[in-house]
C-alpha atoms as a PDB file:
ATOM      1  CA  MET A   1      47.415 -58.820 311.607  1.00  0.00           C
ATOM      2  CA  SER A   2      44.446 -61.714 312.585  1.00  0.00           C
ATOM      3  CA  LEU A   3      42.170 -60.168 309.550  1.00  0.00           C
ATOM      4  CA  VAL A   4      38.118 -61.240 309.878  1.00  0.00           C
ATOM      5  CA  LEU A   5      36.326 -60.393 306.292  1.00  0.00           C
ATOM      6  CA  ALA A   6      32.563 -59.976 307.501  1.00  0.00           C
ATOM      7  CA  THR A   7      30.790 -59.733 303.783  1.00  0.00           C
ATOM      8  CA  ASP A   8      26.963 -58.941 303.953  1.00  0.00           C
ATOM      9  CA  VAL A   9      25.259 -61.340 301.618  1.00  0.00           C
ATOM     10  CA  SER A  10      22.047 -59.813 303.307  1.00  0.00           C
ATOM     11  CA  SER A  11      19.118 -59.632 300.811  1.00  0.00           C
ATOM     12  CA  SER A  12      19.743 -56.621 298.709  1.00  0.00           C
ATOM     13  CA  ILE A  13      22.052 -58.735 297.283  1.00  0.00           C
ATOM     14  CA  ASP A  14      21.340 -61.135 295.223  1.00  0.00           C
ATOM     15  CA  ASP A  15      23.279 -64.706 294.472  1.00  0.00           C
ATOM     16  CA  ASP A  16      25.240 -63.215 291.504  1.00  0.00           C
ATOM     17  CA  GLU A  17      26.285 -60.176 293.448  1.00  0.00           C
ATOM     18  CA  ALA A  18      27.358 -62.859 296.248  1.00  0.00           C
ATOM     19  CA  LEU A  19      29.190 -64.461 294.092  1.00  0.00           C
ATOM     20  CA  LEU A  20      30.896 -61.537 292.574  1.00  0.00           C
ATOM     21  CA  GLN A  21      31.805 -60.796 296.092  1.00  0.00           C
ATOM     22  CA  ARG A  22      33.031 -63.793 296.995  1.00  0.00           C
ATOM     23  CA  GLN A  23      35.674 -63.714 293.819  1.00  0.00           C
ATOM     24  CA  GLY A  24      37.037 -60.175 294.522  1.00  0.00           C
ATOM     25  CA  TYR A  25      37.669 -61.433 297.879  1.00  0.00           C
ATOM     26  CA  ARG A  26      39.524 -64.796 295.994  1.00  0.00           C
ATOM     27  CA  ALA A  27      41.373 -62.172 293.529  1.00  0.00           C
ATOM     28  CA  ALA A  28      42.661 -60.432 296.073  1.00  0.00           C
ATOM     29  CA  LEU A  29      44.725 -62.758 298.333  1.00  0.00           C
ATOM     30  CA  THR A  30      45.960 -64.573 295.852  1.00  0.00           C
ATOM     31  CA  ASP A  31      46.998 -61.253 294.389  1.00  0.00           C
ATOM     32  CA  PRO A  32      51.343 -61.067 294.098  1.00  0.00           C
ATOM     33  CA  VAL A  33      51.572 -57.813 295.586  1.00  0.00           C
ATOM     34  CA  VAL A  34      49.173 -58.657 298.561  1.00  0.00           C
ATOM     35  CA  LEU A  35      51.596 -62.136 298.773  1.00  0.00           C
ATOM     36  CA  ASN A  36      54.476 -59.469 298.547  1.00  0.00           C
ATOM     37  CA  LEU A  37      53.322 -57.430 301.539  1.00  0.00           C
ATOM     38  CA  VAL A  38      52.536 -60.570 303.557  1.00  0.00           C
ATOM     39  CA  ALA A  39      56.058 -61.976 303.362  1.00  0.00           C
ATOM     40  CA  ALA A  40      57.746 -58.626 303.605  1.00  0.00           C
ATOM     41  CA  GLY A  41      56.414 -58.972 306.729  1.00  0.00           C
ATOM     42  CA  PRO A  42      58.751 -59.616 309.907  1.00  0.00           C
ATOM     43  CA  HIS A  43      56.459 -62.624 310.465  1.00  0.00           C
ATOM     44  CA  ALA A  44      55.434 -63.194 306.486  1.00  0.00           C
ATOM     45  CA  ALA A  45      51.737 -64.479 307.153  1.00  0.00           C
ATOM     46  CA  ILE A  46      48.923 -62.943 308.220  1.00  0.00           C
ATOM     47  CA  GLY A  47      45.360 -64.861 309.627  1.00  0.00           C
ATOM     48  CA  VAL A  48      42.413 -64.300 308.188  1.00  0.00           C
ATOM     49  CA  ALA A  49      38.767 -65.416 308.835  1.00  0.00           C
ATOM     50  CA  TYR A  50      35.977 -64.953 306.390  1.00  0.00           C
ATOM     51  CA  VAL A  51      32.190 -64.801 307.528  1.00  0.00           C
ATOM     52  CA  GLU A  52      29.453 -63.608 305.867  1.00  0.00           C
ATOM     53  CA  TRP A  53      26.496 -61.877 307.872  1.00  0.00           C
ATOM     54  CA  SER A  54      23.099 -59.929 306.662  1.00  0.00           C
ATOM     55  CA  GLY A  55      20.163 -59.441 309.750  1.00  0.00           C
ATOM     56  CA  MET A  56      19.693 -60.491 313.328  1.00  0.00           C
ATOM     57  CA  ALA A  57      19.455 -64.287 313.015  1.00  0.00           C
ATOM     58  CA  PHE A  58      21.844 -64.676 309.758  1.00  0.00           C
ATOM     59  CA  GLN A  59      26.116 -64.646 311.029  1.00  0.00           C
ATOM     60  CA  ARG A  60      27.901 -67.467 309.720  1.00  0.00           C
ATOM     61  CA  LEU A  61      31.272 -68.553 309.941  1.00  0.00           C
ATOM     62  CA  LEU A  62      31.920 -69.397 306.101  1.00  0.00           C
ATOM     63  CA  LEU A  63      35.713 -70.199 306.454  1.00  0.00           C
ATOM     64  CA  PRO A  64      37.626 -70.485 309.776  1.00  0.00           C
ATOM     65  CA  TRP A  65      41.598 -68.536 311.462  1.00  0.00           C
ATOM     66  CA  THR A  66      43.447 -70.208 308.494  1.00  0.00           C
ATOM     67  CA  ARG A  67      47.677 -68.798 308.562  1.00  0.00           C
ATOM     68  CA  ILE A  68      48.223 -67.493 304.888  1.00  0.00           C
ATOM     69  CA  ALA A  69      51.868 -67.133 304.693  1.00  0.00           C
ATOM     70  CA  SER A  70      52.823 -68.538 301.223  1.00  0.00           C
ATOM     71  CA  ALA A  71      50.862 -68.134 297.273  1.00  0.00           C
ATOM     72  CA  ALA A  72      49.672 -72.227 298.266  1.00  0.00           C
ATOM     73  CA  ASP A  73      48.461 -71.165 301.097  1.00  0.00           C
ATOM     74  CA  ALA A  74      46.147 -68.550 299.619  1.00  0.00           C
ATOM     75  CA  LEU A  75      45.006 -70.499 296.440  1.00  0.00           C
ATOM     76  CA  ALA A  76      44.136 -73.527 299.007  1.00  0.00           C
ATOM     77  CA  TRP A  77      41.926 -70.699 300.964  1.00  0.00           C
ATOM     78  CA  SER A  78      41.257 -69.567 297.680  1.00  0.00           C
ATOM     79  CA  ALA A  79      39.695 -72.728 296.867  1.00  0.00           C
ATOM     80  CA  ALA A  80      37.984 -73.225 299.611  1.00  0.00           C
ATOM     81  CA  LEU A  81      36.021 -70.173 299.593  1.00  0.00           C
ATOM     82  CA  ALA A  82      35.104 -70.928 296.242  1.00  0.00           C
ATOM     83  CA  ARG A  83      33.596 -74.543 296.955  1.00  0.00           C
ATOM     84  CA  GLN A  84      30.893 -72.730 300.012  1.00  0.00           C
ATOM     85  CA  PRO A  85      27.720 -72.965 299.034  1.00  0.00           C
ATOM     86  CA  LEU A  86      25.459 -70.194 299.308  1.00  0.00           C
ATOM     87  CA  ALA A  87      22.664 -69.711 301.962  1.00  0.00           C
ATOM     88  CA  PRO A  88      19.694 -69.536 300.304  1.00  0.00           C
ATOM     89  CA  LEU A  89      18.623 -65.784 299.358  1.00  0.00           C
ATOM     90  CA  GLY A  90      15.679 -66.079 301.749  1.00  0.00           C
ATOM     91  CA  SER A  91      17.462 -66.487 304.891  1.00  0.00           C
ATOM     92  CA  ARG A  92      19.284 -63.528 304.602  1.00  0.00           C
ATOM     93  CA  ARG A  93      16.391 -61.078 305.777  1.00  0.00           C
ATOM     94  CA  GLY A  94      18.088 -57.260 307.433  1.00  0.00           C
ATOM     95  CA  THR A  95      20.836 -55.792 307.144  1.00  0.00           C
ATOM     96  CA  SER A  96      22.607 -55.847 310.772  1.00  0.00           C
ATOM     97  CA  ILE A  97      26.461 -54.231 311.057  1.00  0.00           C
ATOM     98  CA  SER A  98      25.816 -54.570 314.510  1.00  0.00           C
ATOM     99  CA  ARG A  99      25.789 -58.193 314.826  1.00  0.00           C
ATOM    100  CA  GLY A 100      28.357 -58.727 311.981  1.00  0.00           C
ATOM    101  CA  ILE A 101      30.563 -56.629 314.363  1.00  0.00           C
ATOM    102  CA  ALA A 102      29.433 -58.411 317.259  1.00  0.00           C
ATOM    103  CA  PHE A 103      30.604 -62.238 315.621  1.00  0.00           C
ATOM    104  CA  SER A 104      33.459 -60.969 313.875  1.00  0.00           C
ATOM    105  CA  LEU A 105      34.744 -59.353 317.835  1.00  0.00           C
ATOM    106  CA  ARG A 106      34.042 -62.808 319.445  1.00  0.00           C
ATOM    107  CA  LEU A 107      35.695 -64.874 316.088  1.00  0.00           C
ATOM    108  CA  LEU A 108      39.099 -62.358 317.008  1.00  0.00           C
ATOM    109  CA  GLY A 109      39.092 -63.630 320.432  1.00  0.00           C
ATOM    110  CA  ASP A 110      38.788 -66.788 319.214  1.00  0.00           C
ATOM    111  CA  ALA A 111      41.450 -66.379 317.195  1.00  0.00           C
ATOM    112  CA  PRO A 112      44.423 -69.258 317.614  1.00  0.00           C
ATOM    113  CA  TRP A 113      47.610 -66.575 317.684  1.00  0.00           C
ATOM    114  CA  THR A 114      48.761 -63.702 319.349  1.00  0.00           C
ATOM    115  CA  ALA A 115      48.484 -60.481 316.925  1.00  0.00           C
ATOM    116  CA  THR A 116      50.335 -57.010 316.385  1.00  0.00           C
ATOM    117  CA  ARG A 117      47.028 -55.657 315.283  1.00  0.00           C
ATOM    118  CA  GLN A 118      43.504 -57.005 314.735  1.00  0.00           C
ATOM    119  CA  VAL A 119      40.954 -55.805 311.960  1.00  0.00           C
ATOM    120  CA  VAL A 120      37.539 -56.718 311.122  1.00  0.00           C
ATOM    121  CA  ASP A 121      36.761 -55.671 306.538  1.00  0.00           C
ATOM    122  CA  ILE A 122      33.186 -55.013 307.084  1.00  0.00           C
ATOM    123  CA  CYS A 123      32.509 -54.712 303.681  1.00  0.00           C
ATOM    124  CA  GLY A 124      27.877 -53.908 302.618  1.00  0.00           C
ATOM    125  CA  ASP A 125      25.717 -52.059 300.717  1.00  0.00           C
ATOM    126  CA  GLY A 126      23.146 -50.612 303.762  1.00  0.00           C
ATOM    127  CA  VAL A 127      23.087 -49.004 306.432  1.00  0.00           C
ATOM    128  CA  ASN A 128      21.891 -51.025 309.697  1.00  0.00           C
ATOM    129  CA  ASN A 129      18.559 -51.386 310.180  1.00  0.00           C
ATOM    130  CA  ASN A 130      18.429 -54.412 313.044  1.00  0.00           C
ATOM    131  CA  GLY A 131      20.443 -55.678 315.867  1.00  0.00           C
ATOM    132  CA  GLY A 132      21.000 -52.562 318.157  1.00  0.00           C
ATOM    133  CA  PRO A 133      22.926 -49.412 317.153  1.00  0.00           C
ATOM    134  CA  VAL A 134      26.269 -49.820 314.959  1.00  0.00           C
ATOM    135  CA  GLU A 135      27.785 -47.112 316.634  1.00  0.00           C
ATOM    136  CA  ASP A 136      28.192 -49.088 320.569  1.00  0.00           C
ATOM    137  CA  LEU A 137      29.907 -52.013 318.863  1.00  0.00           C
ATOM    138  CA  ARG A 138      32.177 -50.180 316.413  1.00  0.00           C
ATOM    139  CA  ASP A 139      32.570 -48.168 320.345  1.00  0.00           C
ATOM    140  CA  SER A 140      33.705 -51.971 321.776  1.00  0.00           C
ATOM    141  CA  ALA A 141      35.357 -52.731 319.045  1.00  0.00           C
ATOM    142  CA  VAL A 142      37.527 -48.872 318.723  1.00  0.00           C
ATOM    143  CA  ALA A 143      38.273 -49.873 323.054  1.00  0.00           C
ATOM    144  CA  ARG A 144      39.282 -53.195 322.625  1.00  0.00           C
ATOM    145  CA  GLY A 145      41.911 -52.072 320.068  1.00  0.00           C
ATOM    146  CA  VAL A 146      40.581 -53.296 317.472  1.00  0.00           C
ATOM    147  CA  THR A 147      40.650 -51.846 313.484  1.00  0.00           C
ATOM    148  CA  LEU A 148      36.868 -51.247 311.668  1.00  0.00           C
ATOM    149  CA  ASN A 149      37.659 -50.599 308.055  1.00  0.00           C
ATOM    150  CA  GLY A 150      35.025 -51.049 305.656  1.00  0.00           C
ATOM    151  CA  LEU A 151      33.838 -50.633 301.538  1.00  0.00           C
ATOM    152  CA  VAL A 152      30.782 -49.997 300.624  1.00  0.00           C
ATOM    153  CA  ILE A 153      28.517 -50.849 297.122  1.00  0.00           C
ATOM    154  CA  GLU A 154      26.833 -47.318 296.329  1.00  0.00           C
ATOM    155  CA  GLY A 155      23.642 -47.894 295.246  1.00  0.00           C
ATOM    156  CA  SER A 156      21.594 -45.041 293.150  1.00  0.00           C
ATOM    157  CA  ASP A 157      18.621 -46.301 294.476  1.00  0.00           C
ATOM    158  CA  PRO A 158      18.153 -45.049 298.704  1.00  0.00           C
ATOM    159  CA  ASN A 159      15.389 -47.682 299.144  1.00  0.00           C
ATOM    160  CA  GLU A 160      18.543 -50.201 298.896  1.00  0.00           C
ATOM    161  CA  THR A 161      21.351 -48.330 300.842  1.00  0.00           C
ATOM    162  CA  GLY A 162      18.783 -46.948 303.737  1.00  0.00           C
ATOM    163  CA  VAL A 163      20.543 -43.559 302.873  1.00  0.00           C
ATOM    164  CA  ALA A 164      18.312 -40.813 301.034  1.00  0.00           C
ATOM    165  CA  PRO A 165      20.868 -38.442 298.651  1.00  0.00           C
ATOM    166  CA  PRO A 166      22.884 -35.860 299.074  1.00  0.00           C
ATOM    167  CA  ALA A 167      23.528 -38.345 301.763  1.00  0.00           C
ATOM    168  CA  THR A 168      26.651 -41.145 301.105  1.00  0.00           C
ATOM    169  CA  LEU A 169      26.784 -44.864 302.819  1.00  0.00           C
ATOM    170  CA  GLU A 170      30.554 -43.834 302.150  1.00  0.00           C
ATOM    171  CA  ALA A 171      29.354 -41.270 305.041  1.00  0.00           C
ATOM    172  CA  TYR A 172      27.107 -43.144 307.401  1.00  0.00           C
ATOM    173  CA  TYR A 173      30.124 -45.607 307.544  1.00  0.00           C
ATOM    174  CA  ARG A 174      32.139 -43.059 307.913  1.00  0.00           C
ATOM    175  CA  ASN A 175      30.466 -41.567 310.649  1.00  0.00           C
ATOM    176  CA  SER A 176      29.400 -44.532 312.270  1.00  0.00           C
ATOM    177  CA  VAL A 177      30.994 -48.413 311.094  1.00  0.00           C
ATOM    178  CA  ILE A 178      34.825 -47.913 310.893  1.00  0.00           C
ATOM    179  CA  GLY A 179      36.835 -46.975 313.636  1.00  0.00           C
ATOM    180  CA  GLY A 180      40.855 -47.813 315.722  1.00  0.00           C
ATOM    181  CA  PRO A 181      43.663 -46.894 314.060  1.00  0.00           C
ATOM    182  CA  ASP A 182      44.557 -46.274 310.897  1.00  0.00           C
ATOM    183  CA  ALA A 183      40.857 -47.341 310.033  1.00  0.00           C
ATOM    184  CA  PHE A 184      38.957 -46.130 306.368  1.00  0.00           C
ATOM    185  CA  VAL A 185      36.313 -46.642 304.104  1.00  0.00           C
ATOM    186  CA  LEU A 186      36.548 -47.462 300.095  1.00  0.00           C
ATOM    187  CA  ALA A 187      33.680 -46.846 298.127  1.00  0.00           C
ATOM    188  CA  VAL A 188      32.622 -48.360 295.546  1.00  0.00           C
ATOM    189  CA  ALA A 189      29.450 -47.803 292.297  1.00  0.00           C
ATOM    190  CA  GLY A 190      29.328 -51.543 291.776  1.00  0.00           C
ATOM    191  CA  PHE A 191      30.231 -55.321 291.717  1.00  0.00           C
ATOM    192  CA  ASP A 192      32.241 -55.174 289.013  1.00  0.00           C
ATOM    193  CA  GLU A 193      34.125 -52.468 291.117  1.00  0.00           C
ATOM    194  CA  PHE A 194      34.767 -54.896 294.323  1.00  0.00           C
ATOM    195  CA  ALA A 195      37.923 -57.212 292.942  1.00  0.00           C
ATOM    196  CA  GLY A 196      39.933 -54.478 292.501  1.00  0.00           C
ATOM    197  CA  ALA A 197      38.250 -51.895 295.536  1.00  0.00           C
ATOM    198  CA  ILE A 198      39.935 -55.189 297.920  1.00  0.00           C
ATOM    199  CA  ARG A 199      42.784 -55.443 296.398  1.00  0.00           C
ATOM    200  CA  ARG A 200      44.235 -51.459 297.496  1.00  0.00           C
ATOM    201  CA  LYS A 201      42.020 -52.077 300.938  1.00  0.00           C
ATOM    202  CA  LEU A 202      44.831 -55.022 301.638  1.00  0.00           C
ATOM    203  CA  VAL A 203      47.264 -53.390 299.842  1.00  0.00           C
ATOM    204  CA  ARG A 204      46.546 -50.527 302.020  1.00  0.00           C
ATOM    205  CA  GLU A 205      46.100 -52.728 305.661  1.00  0.00           C
ATOM    206  CA  LEU A 206      49.142 -54.706 304.832  1.00  0.00           C
ATOM    207  CA  ALA A 207      51.030 -51.840 304.210  1.00  0.00           C
ATOM    208  CA  SER A 208      51.479 -50.276 307.437  1.00  0.00           C
ATOM    209  CA  THR A 209      51.253 -52.886 309.818  1.00  0.00           C
ATOM    210  CA  ASP A 210      52.792 -55.769 311.358  1.00  0.00           C
ATOM    211  CA  PRO A 211      50.920 -58.915 309.879  1.00  0.00           C
ATOM    212  CA  PHE A 212      51.643 -61.757 312.392  1.00  0.00           C
ATOM    213  CA  THR A 213      52.896 -62.899 315.447  1.00  0.00           C
ATOM    214  CA  GLY A 214      52.258 -65.572 316.057  1.00  0.00           C
ATOM    215  CA  ALA A 215      53.403 -69.359 317.879  1.00  0.00           C
ATOM    216  CA  ASP A 216      53.850 -70.358 314.015  1.00  0.00           C
ATOM    217  CA  GLY A 217      55.300 -66.967 313.319  1.00  0.00           C
END
């Protein structure tokens, strides 16, 4: 499996919350259950790239494609993520899920291996509010055989999520963002639940996929 971890760092997410997100990914990817599922796959490895995105002008590849085949690989990846500086909050205006997906699809096209399954994990706390209709990018991804999964941080303030009660951000993601084979969305109430949700998400993805095919696999 080639997996893009595409994380919302828009201005509604402060630096402390952005760090909690990173810590969640670091904990999940080094979790023994996750690593056992990777090892149990036919090629005993997955490929991972880590992206941060916000508005139309901000998408960046924080960690390039990395082959994760062991606990040592995962720990090295975790340490590399911990070393990355946060982007200035002022540069992270807007929420363009569509641009985040477009950036992730280009990354999948540049992956240095051929994968039996391509997945983009999109984490966010608001609706798409610039950069073109997210549904168009969702449909392009699905047409390429890419699965888009979602993890949403629900907020009590509709001005932050862009979704007015009684609607939910989870429902928005389900209707407009996720798509492709076995696509799903998870929702958490806050960032303190993030690490556990990421772990559950990776377990669900790895338990039902053929993790990795490539020259080294």
